[in-house]
Structures are given as structure tokens and as C-alpha cells.
Amino acid sequence: MTDSASWTERYAAAAMVWNTDPNQFVVEACSKLRPGRALDLGAGEGRNSLWLAGRGWNVTAVDFASIAVGRIAGRAAVQGLVVDAIVEDALTYHPKPGTYDLVLLSYLQLPLPQLRKALTNASAGLAPGGRIVLVAHDQSNLLSGYGGPRDPNLLTTPEQVAKILTSLELRVVRAEVVQRQVPMEIGFRCALDHVVEAVRSSVTLA
């Protein structure tokens, strides 16, 4: 699903759609960073946004489903956290240039041309020295992993993402397929994701 109406319907059908714990790869990538200003693009119900805010980040959470954004705001209030949760589409949202130290895209599964557009818009919001962290279901998960989208058009590879980020004049520092254990009633299944990190040069030209 890539349209707001379908996601709104899905969110309306359940008290919570997603686990409230932050994604393990987001934790791994962001725990090493000094808190600053963060943009969580396609934030869903805010599990990563709230975790970042709890670690001292100034977080803007963006999602096109108003129900999800309302849940972010409500959970932030209950936890005593400040998160600027706004209803916007990742494909058309233009962050203020040079604002964010971290731009996070966690399982924002889009066809490659749309992902390129979202990354182009989002990267403009990076401050000098800022970092993009992208976590997604990998293309190989369709045949070799568990869960995730069944539409191959919504699955990418770390090489494809890295190529986009390089074309945006960012330096890719990580691009790899990773395994994620999904608990089952008995044992677990293995999902194949990828993590891509890229940074903007801290040197600004006069």
C-alpha cells in the first residue's frame, strides 16, 4: 500500500498496527550519533520518533496518515516527550534546507522512482555533516526471506539506494543486506532487510 486512504483504513482497524519498540537497525545506526535535529519520514505510529525524542533528539515526524500522526502526538504527550508530528506525504514534503542532522526512512517502501523523489527532497534538508539512515525490506526477501511486501516493485537493493544517494552528492558509509529475526509461536523466521547510511560533507563552499 502506498496511498494514504489505504493506510488510514488499516490504522483505523486496529488500536496499534506496529510494535511500539524502535526498529533494531535504527537503534544500531543512531545510538552512536550525538542528538540534534531529526526528521523521521514515513514515521507511521512513531516508534522510532519517540525513541529518538527519548534520547534527546528534536524530532519532526512526518506521515500521510492522520490517524498515525495523531497516535504519535498522543503517545508523545503521555511519555512527556516533544515530537513535532505533521501530516504530509513523503513524496511532496520539502524540509527546510540544511536543517536536520539526521533523516530517517524506516520501511518507507516505495517504487524506485518515487523513492528517488523522496530521497531527493529529504536530502535537501540535511545540515552539513548530517546523515541519512534508510532501513527497508530487501529485494531478496521476496524469495529468500519472511514477511514484507509481496509486490516486487516496492522492494529495492542497497546498491540501488546507494546509487541514488551518491548522485545526490552524499557519501555512502554503509550499504548492506541484514537479517532480522521475526518471532513465531515456535522459534523464529528470518527476514532480509537492508540498511544504507550516507552523510553530507561537513565542508561548505563559500
Protein backbone atom coordinates (compact mmCIF):
# COMPACT_ATOMS: atom_id res chain seq x y z
CA MET A 1 0.00 0.00 0.00
CA THR A 2 1.36 3.38 -0.96
CA ASP A 3 -1.72 5.62 -0.70
CA SER A 4 -2.93 7.48 2.38
CA ALA A 5 -6.53 6.23 2.15
CA SER A 6 -5.46 2.56 2.39
CA TRP A 7 -3.13 3.24 5.29
CA THR A 8 -5.74 5.32 7.11
CA GLU A 9 -8.16 2.40 6.79
CA ARG A 10 -5.54 0.00 8.12
CA TYR A 11 -4.70 2.21 11.10
CA ALA A 12 -8.40 2.71 11.87
CA ALA A 13 -8.91 -1.05 12.09
CA ALA A 14 -6.51 -1.58 15.00
CA ALA A 15 -5.55 0.13 18.24
CA MET A 16 -1.90 -0.17 17.16
CA VAL A 17 -0.66 -1.64 13.89
CA TRP A 18 3.06 -1.80 14.68
CA ASN A 19 5.24 -2.86 17.57
CA THR A 20 5.99 0.11 19.82
CA ASP A 21 9.68 -0.77 20.19
CA PRO A 22 12.12 1.05 17.90
CA ASN A 23 13.49 -0.87 14.94
CA GLN A 24 16.67 -2.73 15.87
CA PHE A 25 18.64 -1.36 12.91
CA VAL A 26 17.57 2.20 13.68
CA VAL A 27 18.81 1.71 17.23
CA GLU A 28 22.08 0.27 15.96
CA ALA A 29 22.69 3.10 13.49
CA CYS A 30 21.53 6.03 15.64
CA SER A 31 22.76 5.13 19.13
CA LYS A 32 26.25 6.23 18.07
CA LEU A 33 25.09 9.69 16.95
CA ARG A 34 25.05 12.87 19.01
CA PRO A 35 21.43 14.07 19.40
CA GLY A 36 20.41 17.01 17.24
CA ARG A 37 17.52 17.67 14.87
CA ALA A 38 15.94 14.57 13.30
CA LEU A 39 13.38 14.06 10.55
CA ASP A 40 11.51 10.74 10.58
CA LEU A 41 9.97 10.46 7.12
CA GLY A 42 7.09 7.99 6.86
CA ALA A 43 7.05 7.75 10.65
CA GLY A 44 3.99 5.51 10.97
CA GLU A 45 2.87 5.39 14.60
CA GLY A 46 6.15 6.88 15.74
CA ARG A 47 8.07 4.04 17.33
CA ASN A 48 11.39 5.41 16.06
CA SER A 49 10.44 9.07 16.52
CA LEU A 50 9.58 8.54 20.18
CA TRP A 51 12.76 6.56 20.80
CA LEU A 52 14.84 9.35 19.28
CA ALA A 53 12.99 12.01 21.27
CA GLY A 54 13.64 10.00 24.44
CA ARG A 55 17.36 10.16 23.66
CA GLY A 56 17.32 13.94 23.40
CA TRP A 57 16.68 14.45 19.68
CA ASN A 58 14.49 17.29 18.45
CA VAL A 59 12.22 15.22 16.20
CA THR A 60 9.92 16.07 13.31
CA ALA A 61 7.74 13.05 12.44
CA VAL A 62 6.06 13.05 9.03
CA ASP A 63 3.39 10.64 7.80
CA PHE A 64 0.50 10.94 5.37
CA ALA A 65 -1.96 9.04 7.59
CA SER A 66 -3.62 11.45 10.02
CA ILE A 67 -4.56 8.64 12.43
CA ALA A 68 -0.91 7.58 12.72
CA VAL A 69 0.20 11.18 13.27
CA GLY A 70 -2.41 11.58 15.98
CA ARG A 71 -1.07 8.49 17.72
CA ILE A 72 2.45 9.90 17.65
CA ALA A 73 1.28 13.13 19.26
CA GLY A 74 -0.79 11.29 21.86
CA ARG A 75 1.95 8.86 22.84
CA ALA A 76 4.50 11.68 22.99
CA ALA A 77 2.26 13.60 25.38
CA VAL A 78 1.76 10.56 27.62
CA GLN A 79 5.53 9.95 27.73
CA GLY A 80 6.37 13.59 28.33
CA LEU A 81 8.21 13.89 25.03
CA VAL A 82 8.17 16.66 22.44
CA VAL A 83 7.69 15.50 18.85
CA ASP A 84 6.52 17.75 16.03
CA ALA A 85 4.13 15.32 14.31
CA ILE A 86 2.75 16.56 11.00
CA VAL A 87 0.54 15.17 8.24
CA GLU A 88 2.49 15.32 4.99
CA ASP A 89 3.24 12.99 2.08
CA ALA A 90 6.87 11.86 1.87
CA LEU A 91 6.75 12.40 -1.88
CA THR A 92 5.82 16.06 -1.66
CA TYR A 93 7.25 17.11 1.69
CA HIS A 94 10.13 19.58 1.42
CA PRO A 95 12.04 20.05 4.68
CA LYS A 96 13.71 23.38 5.33
CA PRO A 97 17.12 23.18 3.62
CA GLY A 98 20.14 22.45 5.80
CA THR A 99 18.07 21.81 8.92
CA TYR A 100 18.45 18.19 10.02
CA ASP A 101 21.36 16.26 11.49
CA LEU A 102 19.51 13.00 10.85
CA VAL A 103 16.97 11.98 8.22
CA LEU A 104 15.42 8.57 8.87
CA LEU A 105 13.44 6.44 6.43
CA SER A 106 12.35 3.21 8.08
CA TYR A 107 10.42 0.79 5.86
CA LEU A 108 9.13 3.53 3.58
CA GLN A 109 8.55 1.02 0.79
CA LEU A 110 8.11 2.87 -2.49
CA PRO A 111 8.72 2.10 -6.16
CA LEU A 112 12.24 3.14 -7.09
CA PRO A 113 11.29 6.35 -8.97
CA GLN A 114 9.17 7.52 -6.02
CA LEU A 115 11.88 6.58 -3.53
CA ARG A 116 14.35 8.63 -5.56
CA LYS A 117 11.98 11.61 -5.33
CA ALA A 118 11.53 11.21 -1.57
CA LEU A 119 15.28 10.90 -1.02
CA THR A 120 15.98 13.91 -3.22
CA ASN A 121 13.56 16.05 -1.23
CA ALA A 122 14.73 14.70 2.12
CA SER A 123 18.44 15.06 1.40
CA ALA A 124 17.98 18.78 0.80
CA GLY A 125 17.04 19.05 4.47
CA LEU A 126 20.38 17.66 5.69
CA ALA A 127 22.69 20.01 7.54
CA PRO A 128 26.44 19.86 6.83
CA GLY A 129 27.69 16.64 8.42
CA GLY A 130 24.12 15.30 8.57
CA ARG A 131 23.28 11.65 7.96
CA ILE A 132 20.55 9.73 6.15
CA VAL A 133 19.67 6.32 7.58
CA LEU A 134 17.43 4.10 5.44
CA VAL A 135 16.10 0.72 6.55
CA ALA A 136 13.93 -1.28 4.16
CA HIS A 137 12.73 -4.73 3.18
CA ASP A 138 15.29 -6.04 0.71
CA GLN A 139 14.50 -7.28 -2.77
CA SER A 140 15.92 -10.70 -1.85
CA ASN A 141 13.31 -11.06 0.91
CA LEU A 142 10.64 -11.81 -1.69
CA LEU A 143 12.09 -15.26 -2.42
CA SER A 144 14.51 -15.89 0.44
CA GLY A 145 13.05 -14.16 3.50
CA TYR A 146 9.91 -13.86 5.59
CA GLY A 147 7.16 -11.22 5.53
CA GLY A 148 7.35 -7.82 3.90
CA PRO A 149 5.63 -6.61 0.73
CA ARG A 150 4.78 -9.19 -1.91
CA ASP A 151 4.94 -6.58 -4.69
CA PRO A 152 8.47 -6.66 -6.19
CA ASN A 153 8.04 -3.04 -7.32
CA LEU A 154 8.15 -2.00 -3.65
CA LEU A 155 11.44 -3.75 -2.96
CA THR A 156 14.88 -2.33 -3.59
CA THR A 157 18.52 -3.27 -3.04
CA PRO A 158 21.19 -1.45 -1.03
CA GLU A 159 23.09 -0.87 -4.28
CA GLN A 160 20.12 0.93 -5.82
CA VAL A 161 19.68 3.15 -2.78
CA ALA A 162 23.40 3.87 -2.56
CA LYS A 163 23.45 4.90 -6.21
CA ILE A 164 20.67 7.44 -5.60
CA LEU A 165 22.38 8.88 -2.54
CA THR A 166 25.71 9.12 -4.33
CA SER A 167 24.03 11.02 -7.17
CA LEU A 168 22.78 13.48 -4.52
CA GLU A 169 26.41 14.14 -3.56
CA LEU A 170 26.24 12.23 -0.29
CA ARG A 171 28.97 9.87 0.87
CA VAL A 172 27.67 6.36 1.42
CA VAL A 173 29.26 4.80 4.50
CA ARG A 174 27.14 1.66 4.75
CA ALA A 175 25.04 -0.31 2.29
CA GLU A 176 24.34 -3.93 3.15
CA VAL A 177 21.72 -6.64 3.49
CA VAL A 178 20.96 -7.60 7.09
CA GLN A 179 18.99 -10.39 8.73
CA ARG A 180 16.15 -9.76 11.16
CA GLN A 181 14.64 -12.49 13.32
CA VAL A 182 10.85 -12.48 13.39
CA PRO A 183 9.47 -14.35 16.45
CA MET A 184 6.87 -17.03 15.73
CA GLU A 185 4.77 -19.18 18.09
CA ILE A 186 7.60 -21.69 17.90
CA GLY A 187 11.04 -20.37 17.05
CA PHE A 188 11.53 -17.58 14.54
CA ARG A 189 11.72 -16.80 10.83
CA CYS A 190 14.40 -14.74 9.11
CA ALA A 191 13.58 -11.56 7.20
CA LEU A 192 16.06 -9.89 4.86
CA ASP A 193 16.30 -6.12 5.11
CA HIS A 194 18.91 -3.63 4.03
CA VAL A 195 20.49 -0.67 5.80
CA VAL A 196 22.02 2.25 3.93
CA GLU A 197 23.70 5.21 5.62
CA ALA A 198 25.08 8.28 3.87
CA VAL A 199 26.47 11.60 5.10
CA ARG A 200 26.65 15.11 3.73
CA SER A 201 30.06 16.74 3.71
CA SER A 202 30.66 18.99 6.71
CA VAL A 203 32.59 21.38 4.45
CA THR A 204 30.54 24.19 2.98
CA LEU A 205 31.76 26.11 -0.04
CA ALA A 206 31.72 29.89 0.01
